[in-house]
Amino acid sequence: MDRRTRLIVYYLVIVVSVLSGFVVLYNYGMATWEGRPQPLYRSVGVVVQTVTTVGYGGDAPWTSPQMNYLVSLMALSGLVLIFAALPVLVVQVLPKSPTGPVG
């Protein structure tokens, strides 16, 4: 496996792990701290919406400080994951300069 493929696999494993952890925490938090239990698929939707910075759907606003912190952490993690994807996915497809670095 070459370096680029290995980086992509590592990145995808990290993304899936982070999202899975947030889904479990969010589902637990909605049942425990907000008193609004919901199915797991709904938690998946809210986590994906938050991490991708699309929006929140029908769960907002949250009343407990724990859920507000969790949602803020999810949004910040989404930004970090998006910026981490740049060198892993985007920079790899840019053409290399045939003459080397300019300088």
PDB file of N, CA and C in Angstrom:
ATOM      1  N   MET A   1       0.854  -1.171   0.000  1.00  0.00           N
ATOM      2  CA  MET A   1       0.000   0.000   0.000  1.00  0.00           C
ATOM      3  C   MET A   1       0.902   1.237   0.000  1.00  0.00           C
ATOM      4  N   ASP A   2       0.662   2.130  -0.939  1.00  0.00           N
ATOM      5  CA  ASP A   2       1.496   3.327  -1.009  1.00  0.00           C
ATOM      6  C   ASP A   2       1.084   4.332   0.061  1.00  0.00           C
ATOM      7  N   ARG A   3       1.891   5.361   0.199  1.00  0.00           N
ATOM      8  CA  ARG A   3       1.701   6.350   1.276  1.00  0.00           C
ATOM      9  C   ARG A   3       0.355   7.066   1.159  1.00  0.00           C
ATOM     10  N   ARG A   4      -0.030   7.446  -0.057  1.00  0.00           N
ATOM     11  CA  ARG A   4      -1.284   8.180  -0.257  1.00  0.00           C
ATOM     12  C   ARG A   4      -2.480   7.324   0.150  1.00  0.00           C
ATOM     13  N   THR A   5      -2.502   6.083  -0.279  1.00  0.00           N
ATOM     14  CA  THR A   5      -3.602   5.178   0.066  1.00  0.00           C
ATOM     15  C   THR A   5      -3.663   4.953   1.568  1.00  0.00           C
ATOM     16  N   ARG A   6      -2.502   4.790   2.190  1.00  0.00           N
ATOM     17  CA  ARG A   6      -2.448   4.588   3.642  1.00  0.00           C
ATOM     18  C   ARG A   6      -2.993   5.810   4.378  1.00  0.00           C
ATOM     19  N   LEU A   7      -2.646   7.017   3.922  1.00  0.00           N
ATOM     20  CA  LEU A   7      -3.168   8.240   4.545  1.00  0.00           C
ATOM     21  C   LEU A   7      -4.683   8.315   4.422  1.00  0.00           C
ATOM     22  N   ILE A   8      -5.198   7.971   3.257  1.00  0.00           N
ATOM     23  CA  ILE A   8      -6.647   8.017   3.049  1.00  0.00           C
ATOM     24  C   ILE A   8      -7.351   7.012   3.956  1.00  0.00           C
ATOM     25  N   VAL A   9      -6.798   5.817   4.057  1.00  0.00           N
ATOM     26  CA  VAL A   9      -7.398   4.794   4.932  1.00  0.00           C
ATOM     27  C   VAL A   9      -7.368   5.257   6.386  1.00  0.00           C
ATOM     28  N   TYR A  10      -6.239   5.786   6.842  1.00  0.00           N
ATOM     29  CA  TYR A  10      -6.140   6.294   8.218  1.00  0.00           C
ATOM     30  C   TYR A  10      -7.159   7.405   8.456  1.00  0.00           C
ATOM     31  N   TYR A  11      -7.260   8.329   7.516  1.00  0.00           N
ATOM     32  CA  TYR A  11      -8.197   9.438   7.658  1.00  0.00           C
ATOM     33  C   TYR A  11      -9.632   8.919   7.763  1.00  0.00           C
ATOM     34  N   LEU A  12     -10.000   7.987   6.898  1.00  0.00           N
ATOM     35  CA  LEU A  12     -11.359   7.452   6.921  1.00  0.00           C
ATOM     36  C   LEU A  12     -11.647   6.695   8.217  1.00  0.00           C
ATOM     37  N   VAL A  13     -10.657   5.965   8.731  1.00  0.00           N
ATOM     38  CA  VAL A  13     -10.832   5.262  10.010  1.00  0.00           C
ATOM     39  C   VAL A  13     -11.051   6.275  11.135  1.00  0.00           C
ATOM     40  N   ILE A  14     -10.293   7.360  11.114  1.00  0.00           N
ATOM     41  CA  ILE A  14     -10.450   8.402  12.136  1.00  0.00           C
ATOM     42  C   ILE A  14     -11.824   9.046  12.032  1.00  0.00           C
ATOM     43  N   VAL A  15     -12.264   9.364  10.824  1.00  0.00           N
ATOM     44  CA  VAL A  15     -13.573  10.002  10.640  1.00  0.00           C
ATOM     45  C   VAL A  15     -14.693   9.090  11.129  1.00  0.00           C
ATOM     46  N   VAL A  16     -14.661   7.834  10.734  1.00  0.00           N
ATOM     47  CA  VAL A  16     -15.707   6.887  11.156  1.00  0.00           C
ATOM     48  C   VAL A  16     -15.686   6.712  12.673  1.00  0.00           C
ATOM     49  N   SER A  17     -14.501   6.641  13.258  1.00  0.00           N
ATOM     50  CA  SER A  17     -14.396   6.485  14.718  1.00  0.00           C
ATOM     51  C   SER A  17     -14.943   7.703  15.452  1.00  0.00           C
ATOM     52  N   VAL A  18     -14.567   8.880  15.001  1.00  0.00           N
ATOM     53  CA  VAL A  18     -15.040  10.117  15.648  1.00  0.00           C
ATOM     54  C   VAL A  18     -16.550  10.237  15.515  1.00  0.00           C
ATOM     55  N   LEU A  19     -17.071   9.998  14.320  1.00  0.00           N
ATOM     56  CA  LEU A  19     -18.515  10.104  14.128  1.00  0.00           C
ATOM     57  C   LEU A  19     -19.274   9.062  14.952  1.00  0.00           C
ATOM     58  N   SER A  20     -18.757   7.843  15.008  1.00  0.00           N
ATOM     59  CA  SER A  20     -19.417   6.802  15.809  1.00  0.00           C
ATOM     60  C   SER A  20     -19.440   7.171  17.289  1.00  0.00           C
ATOM     61  N   GLY A  21     -18.328   7.697  17.780  1.00  0.00           N
ATOM     62  CA  GLY A  21     -18.278   8.136  19.174  1.00  0.00           C
ATOM     63  C   GLY A  21     -19.270   9.250  19.460  1.00  0.00           C
ATOM     64  N   PHE A  22     -19.358  10.217  18.539  1.00  0.00           N
ATOM     65  CA  PHE A  22     -20.309  11.314  18.719  1.00  0.00           C
ATOM     66  C   PHE A  22     -21.749  10.814  18.668  1.00  0.00           C
ATOM     67  N   VAL A  23     -22.046   9.850  17.810  1.00  0.00           N
ATOM     68  CA  VAL A  23     -23.409   9.313  17.724  1.00  0.00           C
ATOM     69  C   VAL A  23     -23.807   8.677  19.051  1.00  0.00           C
ATOM     70  N   VAL A  24     -22.918   7.878  19.609  1.00  0.00           N
ATOM     71  CA  VAL A  24     -23.212   7.222  20.888  1.00  0.00           C
ATOM     72  C   VAL A  24     -23.376   8.258  22.000  1.00  0.00           C
ATOM     73  N   LEU A  25     -22.451   9.228  22.063  1.00  0.00           N
ATOM     74  CA  LEU A  25     -22.546  10.276  23.087  1.00  0.00           C
ATOM     75  C   LEU A  25     -23.808  11.114  22.923  1.00  0.00           C
ATOM     76  N   TYR A  26     -24.117  11.470  21.684  1.00  0.00           N
ATOM     77  CA  TYR A  26     -25.301  12.298  21.440  1.00  0.00           C
ATOM     78  C   TYR A  26     -26.571  11.551  21.818  1.00  0.00           C
ATOM     79  N   ASN A  27     -26.653  10.291  21.427  1.00  0.00           N
ATOM     80  CA  ASN A  27     -27.831   9.499  21.757  1.00  0.00           C
ATOM     81  C   ASN A  27     -27.989   9.357  23.268  1.00  0.00           C
ATOM     82  N   TYR A  28     -26.882   9.089  23.958  1.00  0.00           N
ATOM     83  CA  TYR A  28     -26.896   9.006  25.418  1.00  0.00           C
ATOM     84  C   TYR A  28     -27.301  10.359  26.031  1.00  0.00           C
ATOM     85  N   GLY A  29     -26.717  11.431  25.534  1.00  0.00           N
ATOM     86  CA  GLY A  29     -26.993  12.761  26.069  1.00  0.00           C
ATOM     87  C   GLY A  29     -28.437  13.186  25.889  1.00  0.00           C
ATOM     88  N   MET A  30     -29.011  12.868  24.736  1.00  0.00           N
ATOM     89  CA  MET A  30     -30.412  13.244  24.518  1.00  0.00           C
ATOM     90  C   MET A  30     -31.328  12.498  25.493  1.00  0.00           C
ATOM     91  N   ALA A  31     -31.018  11.249  25.776  1.00  0.00           N
ATOM     92  CA  ALA A  31     -31.853  10.477  26.700  1.00  0.00           C
ATOM     93  C   ALA A  31     -31.613  10.874  28.151  1.00  0.00           C
ATOM     94  N   THR A  32     -30.340  11.114  28.492  1.00  0.00           N
ATOM     95  CA  THR A  32     -29.978  11.351  29.891  1.00  0.00           C
ATOM     96  C   THR A  32     -30.105  12.810  30.296  1.00  0.00           C
ATOM     97  N   TRP A  33     -29.480  13.706  29.561  1.00  0.00           N
ATOM     98  CA  TRP A  33     -29.417  15.110  29.963  1.00  0.00           C
ATOM     99  C   TRP A  33     -30.608  15.933  29.481  1.00  0.00           C
ATOM    100  N   GLU A  34     -31.176  15.536  28.320  1.00  0.00           N
ATOM    101  CA  GLU A  34     -32.307  16.295  27.787  1.00  0.00           C
ATOM    102  C   GLU A  34     -33.647  15.631  28.082  1.00  0.00           C
ATOM    103  N   GLY A  35     -33.630  14.345  28.473  1.00  0.00           N
ATOM    104  CA  GLY A  35     -34.880  13.642  28.735  1.00  0.00           C
ATOM    105  C   GLY A  35     -35.696  13.399  27.475  1.00  0.00           C
ATOM    106  N   ARG A  36     -35.017  13.351  26.320  1.00  0.00           N
ATOM    107  CA  ARG A  36     -35.705  13.130  25.043  1.00  0.00           C
ATOM    108  C   ARG A  36     -35.047  11.955  24.304  1.00  0.00           C
ATOM    109  N   PRO A  37     -35.293  10.722  24.738  1.00  0.00           N
ATOM    110  CA  PRO A  37     -34.687   9.587  24.036  1.00  0.00           C
ATOM    111  C   PRO A  37     -35.162   9.542  22.583  1.00  0.00           C
ATOM    112  N   GLN A  38     -34.292   9.055  21.735  1.00  0.00           N
ATOM    113  CA  GLN A  38     -34.612   8.997  20.316  1.00  0.00           C
ATOM    114  C   GLN A  38     -33.918   7.798  19.689  1.00  0.00           C
ATOM    115  N   PRO A  39     -34.371   7.386  18.509  1.00  0.00           N
ATOM    116  CA  PRO A  39     -33.710   6.256  17.848  1.00  0.00           C
ATOM    117  C   PRO A  39     -32.298   6.632  17.395  1.00  0.00           C
ATOM    118  N   LEU A  40     -31.461   5.636  17.246  1.00  0.00           N
ATOM    119  CA  LEU A  40     -30.063   5.846  16.878  1.00  0.00           C
ATOM    120  C   LEU A  40     -29.931   6.530  15.519  1.00  0.00           C
ATOM    121  N   TYR A  41     -30.808   6.195  14.570  1.00  0.00           N
ATOM    122  CA  TYR A  41     -30.702   6.797  13.243  1.00  0.00           C
ATOM    123  C   TYR A  41     -30.899   8.309  13.287  1.00  0.00           C
ATOM    124  N   ARG A  42     -31.709   8.780  14.218  1.00  0.00           N
ATOM    125  CA  ARG A  42     -31.907  10.230  14.347  1.00  0.00           C
ATOM    126  C   ARG A  42     -30.640  10.894  14.886  1.00  0.00           C
ATOM    127  N   SER A  43     -29.966  10.223  15.826  1.00  0.00           N
ATOM    128  CA  SER A  43     -28.704  10.740  16.347  1.00  0.00           C
ATOM    129  C   SER A  43     -27.650  10.782  15.244  1.00  0.00           C
ATOM    130  N   VAL A  44     -27.632   9.759  14.382  1.00  0.00           N
ATOM    131  CA  VAL A  44     -26.700   9.764  13.250  1.00  0.00           C
ATOM    132  C   VAL A  44     -26.945  10.991  12.382  1.00  0.00           C
ATOM    133  N   GLY A  45     -28.199  11.262  12.089  1.00  0.00           N
ATOM    134  CA  GLY A  45     -28.537  12.424  11.263  1.00  0.00           C
ATOM    135  C   GLY A  45     -28.082  13.737  11.869  1.00  0.00           C
ATOM    136  N   VAL A  46     -28.319  13.920  13.151  1.00  0.00           N
ATOM    137  CA  VAL A  46     -27.937  15.172  13.812  1.00  0.00           C
ATOM    138  C   VAL A  46     -26.417  15.313  13.849  1.00  0.00           C
ATOM    139  N   VAL A  47     -25.706  14.232  14.144  1.00  0.00           N
ATOM    140  CA  VAL A  47     -24.242  14.291  14.195  1.00  0.00           C
ATOM    141  C   VAL A  47     -23.678  14.629  12.814  1.00  0.00           C
ATOM    142  N   VAL A  48     -24.181  13.991  11.781  1.00  0.00           N
ATOM    143  CA  VAL A  48     -23.691  14.285  10.426  1.00  0.00           C
ATOM    144  C   VAL A  48     -24.005  15.724  10.043  1.00  0.00           C
ATOM    145  N   GLN A  49     -25.191  16.200  10.367  1.00  0.00           N
ATOM    146  CA  GLN A  49     -25.554  17.584  10.071  1.00  0.00           C
ATOM    147  C   GLN A  49     -24.640  18.559  10.807  1.00  0.00           C
ATOM    148  N   THR A  50     -24.317  18.252  12.038  1.00  0.00           N
ATOM    149  CA  THR A  50     -23.487  19.147  12.837  1.00  0.00           C
ATOM    150  C   THR A  50     -22.045  19.148  12.360  1.00  0.00           C
ATOM    151  N   VAL A  51     -21.478  17.966  12.160  1.00  0.00           N
ATOM    152  CA  VAL A  51     -20.066  17.865  11.779  1.00  0.00           C
ATOM    153  C   VAL A  51     -19.831  18.445  10.390  1.00  0.00           C
ATOM    154  N   THR A  52     -20.788  18.285   9.491  1.00  0.00           N
ATOM    155  CA  THR A  52     -20.632  18.842   8.149  1.00  0.00           C
ATOM    156  C   THR A  52     -21.055  20.302   8.079  1.00  0.00           C
ATOM    157  N   THR A  53     -21.421  20.880   9.193  1.00  0.00           N
ATOM    158  CA  THR A  53     -21.833  22.280   9.337  1.00  0.00           C
ATOM    159  C   THR A  53     -23.060  22.624   8.491  1.00  0.00           C
ATOM    160  N   VAL A  54     -23.948  21.644   8.282  1.00  0.00           N
ATOM    161  CA  VAL A  54     -25.163  21.886   7.508  1.00  0.00           C
ATOM    162  C   VAL A  54     -26.250  22.508   8.377  1.00  0.00           C
ATOM    163  N   GLY A  55     -26.457  21.976   9.569  1.00  0.00           N
ATOM    164  CA  GLY A  55     -27.506  22.488  10.444  1.00  0.00           C
ATOM    165  C   GLY A  55     -27.870  21.463  11.486  1.00  0.00           C
ATOM    166  N   TYR A  56     -28.933  21.715  12.230  1.00  0.00           N
ATOM    167  CA  TYR A  56     -29.270  20.871  13.354  1.00  0.00           C
ATOM    168  C   TYR A  56     -30.599  20.151  13.245  1.00  0.00           C
ATOM    169  N   GLY A  57     -31.489  20.543  12.408  1.00  0.00           N
ATOM    170  CA  GLY A  57     -32.771  19.869  12.348  1.00  0.00           C
ATOM    171  C   GLY A  57     -33.654  20.210  13.529  1.00  0.00           C
ATOM    172  N   GLY A  58     -34.438  19.245  13.973  1.00  0.00           N
ATOM    173  CA  GLY A  58     -35.452  19.510  14.986  1.00  0.00           C
ATOM    174  C   GLY A  58     -35.021  19.350  16.422  1.00  0.00           C
ATOM    175  N   ASP A  59     -33.780  18.989  16.697  1.00  0.00           N
ATOM    176  CA  ASP A  59     -33.361  18.764  18.084  1.00  0.00           C
ATOM    177  C   ASP A  59     -32.990  20.046  18.821  1.00  0.00           C
ATOM    178  N   ALA A  60     -32.605  21.072  18.119  1.00  0.00           N
ATOM    179  CA  ALA A  60     -32.195  22.315  18.773  1.00  0.00           C
ATOM    180  C   ALA A  60     -33.439  23.058  19.255  1.00  0.00           C
ATOM    181  N   PRO A  61     -33.377  23.802  20.306  1.00  0.00           N
ATOM    182  CA  PRO A  61     -32.257  24.087  21.194  1.00  0.00           C
ATOM    183  C   PRO A  61     -32.136  23.040  22.298  1.00  0.00           C
ATOM    184  N   TRP A  62     -30.950  22.934  22.832  1.00  0.00           N
ATOM    185  CA  TRP A  62     -30.678  22.022  23.932  1.00  0.00           C
ATOM    186  C   TRP A  62     -30.700  22.826  25.217  1.00  0.00           C
ATOM    187  N   THR A  63     -31.206  22.209  26.287  1.00  0.00           N
ATOM    188  CA  THR A  63     -31.349  22.953  27.534  1.00  0.00           C
ATOM    189  C   THR A  63     -30.215  22.687  28.521  1.00  0.00           C
ATOM    190  N   SER A  64     -29.570  21.533  28.417  1.00  0.00           N
ATOM    191  CA  SER A  64     -28.516  21.216  29.381  1.00  0.00           C
ATOM    192  C   SER A  64     -27.162  21.739  28.899  1.00  0.00           C
ATOM    193  N   PRO A  65     -26.317  22.166  29.828  1.00  0.00           N
ATOM    194  CA  PRO A  65     -24.984  22.630  29.430  1.00  0.00           C
ATOM    195  C   PRO A  65     -24.166  21.511  28.796  1.00  0.00           C
ATOM    196  N   GLN A  66     -24.359  20.266  29.263  1.00  0.00           N
ATOM    197  CA  GLN A  66     -23.597  19.147  28.708  1.00  0.00           C
ATOM    198  C   GLN A  66     -23.869  18.975  27.216  1.00  0.00           C
ATOM    199  N   MET A  67     -25.126  19.056  26.825  1.00  0.00           N
ATOM    200  CA  MET A  67     -25.462  18.894  25.410  1.00  0.00           C
ATOM    201  C   MET A  67     -24.972  20.079  24.589  1.00  0.00           C
ATOM    202  N   ASN A  68     -25.051  21.258  25.145  1.00  0.00           N
ATOM    203  CA  ASN A  68     -24.528  22.429  24.423  1.00  0.00           C
ATOM    204  C   ASN A  68     -23.023  22.306  24.205  1.00  0.00           C
ATOM    205  N   TYR A  69     -22.303  21.819  25.217  1.00  0.00           N
ATOM    206  CA  TYR A  69     -20.858  21.598  25.053  1.00  0.00           C
ATOM    207  C   TYR A  69     -20.587  20.502  24.025  1.00  0.00           C
ATOM    208  N   LEU A  70     -21.365  19.424  24.084  1.00  0.00           N
ATOM    209  CA  LEU A  70     -21.164  18.324  23.150  1.00  0.00           C
ATOM    210  C   LEU A  70     -21.394  18.784  21.711  1.00  0.00           C
ATOM    211  N   VAL A  71     -22.457  19.522  21.468  1.00  0.00           N
ATOM    212  CA  VAL A  71     -22.752  19.998  20.119  1.00  0.00           C
ATOM    213  C   VAL A  71     -21.677  20.979  19.659  1.00  0.00           C
ATOM    214  N   SER A  72     -21.185  21.813  20.551  1.00  0.00           N
ATOM    215  CA  SER A  72     -20.094  22.728  20.194  1.00  0.00           C
ATOM    216  C   SER A  72     -18.827  21.949  19.843  1.00  0.00           C
ATOM    217  N   LEU A  73     -18.531  20.922  20.623  1.00  0.00           N
ATOM    218  CA  LEU A  73     -17.366  20.084  20.342  1.00  0.00           C
ATOM    219  C   LEU A  73     -17.518  19.371  19.003  1.00  0.00           C
ATOM    220  N   MET A  74     -18.723  18.910  18.694  1.00  0.00           N
ATOM    221  CA  MET A  74     -18.955  18.255  17.406  1.00  0.00           C
ATOM    222  C   MET A  74     -18.728  19.230  16.257  1.00  0.00           C
ATOM    223  N   ALA A  75     -19.213  20.460  16.392  1.00  0.00           N
ATOM    224  CA  ALA A  75     -19.038  21.449  15.329  1.00  0.00           C
ATOM    225  C   ALA A  75     -17.557  21.785  15.128  1.00  0.00           C
ATOM    226  N   LEU A  76     -16.833  21.975  16.223  1.00  0.00           N
ATOM    227  CA  LEU A  76     -15.396  22.260  16.117  1.00  0.00           C
ATOM    228  C   LEU A  76     -14.634  21.069  15.536  1.00  0.00           C
ATOM    229  N   SER A  77     -15.014  19.869  15.928  1.00  0.00           N
ATOM    230  CA  SER A  77     -14.375  18.668  15.376  1.00  0.00           C
ATOM    231  C   SER A  77     -14.631  18.561  13.877  1.00  0.00           C
ATOM    232  N   GLY A  78     -15.806  18.949  13.459  1.00  0.00           N
ATOM    233  CA  GLY A  78     -16.114  18.942  12.028  1.00  0.00           C
ATOM    234  C   GLY A  78     -15.182  19.844  11.253  1.00  0.00           C
ATOM    235  N   LEU A  79     -14.923  21.026  11.795  1.00  0.00           N
ATOM    236  CA  LEU A  79     -13.981  21.942  11.133  1.00  0.00           C
ATOM    237  C   LEU A  79     -12.584  21.343  11.072  1.00  0.00           C
ATOM    238  N   VAL A  80     -12.148  20.733  12.164  1.00  0.00           N
ATOM    239  CA  VAL A  80     -10.821  20.112  12.196  1.00  0.00           C
ATOM    240  C   VAL A  80     -10.744  18.987  11.163  1.00  0.00           C
ATOM    241  N   LEU A  81     -11.785  18.160  11.089  1.00  0.00           N
ATOM    242  CA  LEU A  81     -11.781  17.059  10.126  1.00  0.00           C
ATOM    243  C   LEU A  81     -11.773  17.568   8.687  1.00  0.00           C
ATOM    244  N   ILE A  82     -12.494  18.647   8.435  1.00  0.00           N
ATOM    245  CA  ILE A  82     -12.512  19.220   7.086  1.00  0.00           C
ATOM    246  C   ILE A  82     -11.128  19.743   6.714  1.00  0.00           C
ATOM    247  N   PHE A  83     -10.486  20.473   7.616  1.00  0.00           N
ATOM    248  CA  PHE A  83      -9.147  20.985   7.320  1.00  0.00           C
ATOM    249  C   PHE A  83      -8.116  19.865   7.254  1.00  0.00           C
ATOM    250  N   ALA A  84      -8.309  18.809   8.028  1.00  0.00           N
ATOM    251  CA  ALA A  84      -7.389  17.666   7.974  1.00  0.00           C
ATOM    252  C   ALA A  84      -7.520  16.922   6.653  1.00  0.00           C
ATOM    253  N   ALA A  85      -8.669  17.023   6.020  1.00  0.00           N
ATOM    254  CA  ALA A  85      -8.871  16.337   4.737  1.00  0.00           C
ATOM    255  C   ALA A  85      -8.097  17.010   3.608  1.00  0.00           C
ATOM    256  N   LEU A  86      -7.785  18.280   3.759  1.00  0.00           N
ATOM    257  CA  LEU A  86      -7.102  18.992   2.666  1.00  0.00           C
ATOM    258  C   LEU A  86      -5.785  18.344   2.267  1.00  0.00           C
ATOM    259  N   PRO A  87      -4.850  18.134   3.190  1.00  0.00           N
ATOM    260  CA  PRO A  87      -3.601  17.506   2.749  1.00  0.00           C
ATOM    261  C   PRO A  87      -3.763  16.035   2.375  1.00  0.00           C
ATOM    262  N   VAL A  88      -4.761  15.378   2.942  1.00  0.00           N
ATOM    263  CA  VAL A  88      -4.936  13.954   2.679  1.00  0.00           C
ATOM    264  C   VAL A  88      -5.588  13.718   1.321  1.00  0.00           C
ATOM    265  N   LEU A  89      -6.631  14.477   1.016  1.00  0.00           N
ATOM    266  CA  LEU A  89      -7.399  14.217  -0.189  1.00  0.00           C
ATOM    267  C   LEU A  89      -7.147  15.209  -1.316  1.00  0.00           C
ATOM    268  N   VAL A  90      -7.148  16.490  -1.011  1.00  0.00           N
ATOM    269  CA  VAL A  90      -7.102  17.506  -2.059  1.00  0.00           C
ATOM    270  C   VAL A  90      -5.697  17.723  -2.589  1.00  0.00           C
ATOM    271  N   VAL A  91      -4.727  17.892  -1.732  1.00  0.00           N
ATOM    272  CA  VAL A  91      -3.367  18.193  -2.166  1.00  0.00           C
ATOM    273  C   VAL A  91      -2.798  17.049  -2.998  1.00  0.00           C
ATOM    274  N   GLN A  92      -3.245  15.836  -2.738  1.00  0.00           N
ATOM    275  CA  GLN A  92      -2.737  14.676  -3.465  1.00  0.00           C
ATOM    276  C   GLN A  92      -3.099  14.724  -4.950  1.00  0.00           C
ATOM    277  N   VAL A  93      -4.190  15.379  -5.306  1.00  0.00           N
ATOM    278  CA  VAL A  93      -4.615  15.421  -6.698  1.00  0.00           C
ATOM    279  C   VAL A  93      -4.055  16.605  -7.469  1.00  0.00           C
ATOM    280  N   LEU A  94      -3.486  17.548  -6.771  1.00  0.00           N
ATOM    281  CA  LEU A  94      -2.891  18.694  -7.461  1.00  0.00           C
ATOM    282  C   LEU A  94      -1.648  18.245  -8.217  1.00  0.00           C
ATOM    283  N   PRO A  95      -1.453  18.781  -9.420  1.00  0.00           N
ATOM    284  CA  PRO A  95      -0.269  18.373 -10.184  1.00  0.00           C
ATOM    285  C   PRO A  95       1.009  18.901  -9.542  1.00  0.00           C
ATOM    286  N   LYS A  96       2.062  18.107  -9.648  1.00  0.00           N
ATOM    287  CA  LYS A  96       3.349  18.524  -9.119  1.00  0.00           C
ATOM    288  C   LYS A  96       4.073  19.367 -10.161  1.00  0.00           C
ATOM    289  N   SER A  97       4.832  20.328  -9.683  1.00  0.00           N
ATOM    290  CA  SER A  97       5.591  21.185 -10.578  1.00  0.00           C
ATOM    291  C   SER A  97       6.744  20.377 -11.182  1.00  0.00           C
ATOM    292  N   PRO A  98       6.891  20.405 -12.516  1.00  0.00           N
ATOM    293  CA  PRO A  98       7.967  19.625 -13.130  1.00  0.00           C
ATOM    294  C   PRO A  98       9.355  20.182 -12.830  1.00  0.00           C
ATOM    295  N   THR A  99       9.433  21.443 -12.446  1.00  0.00           N
ATOM    296  CA  THR A  99      10.730  22.054 -12.183  1.00  0.00           C
ATOM    297  C   THR A  99      11.081  22.097 -10.711  1.00  0.00           C
ATOM    298  N   GLY A 100      10.189  21.627  -9.860  1.00  0.00           N
ATOM    299  CA  GLY A 100      10.462  21.672  -8.431  1.00  0.00           C
ATOM    300  C   GLY A 100       9.910  22.940  -7.815  1.00  0.00           C
ATOM    301  N   PRO A 101      10.253  23.181  -6.559  1.00  0.00           N
ATOM    302  CA  PRO A 101       9.719  24.359  -5.868  1.00  0.00           C
ATOM    303  C   PRO A 101      10.262  25.648  -6.473  1.00  0.00           C
ATOM    304  N   VAL A 102       9.423  26.662  -6.439  1.00  0.00           N
ATOM    305  CA  VAL A 102       9.819  27.984  -6.932  1.00  0.00           C
ATOM    306  C   VAL A 102      10.554  28.694  -5.809  1.00  0.00           C
ATOM    307  N   GLY A 103      11.598  29.343  -6.132  1.00  0.00           N
ATOM    308  CA  GLY A 103      12.271  30.053  -5.061  1.00  0.00           C
ATOM    309  C   GLY A 103      13.576  30.465  -5.430  1.00  0.00           C
TER     310      GLY A 103
END
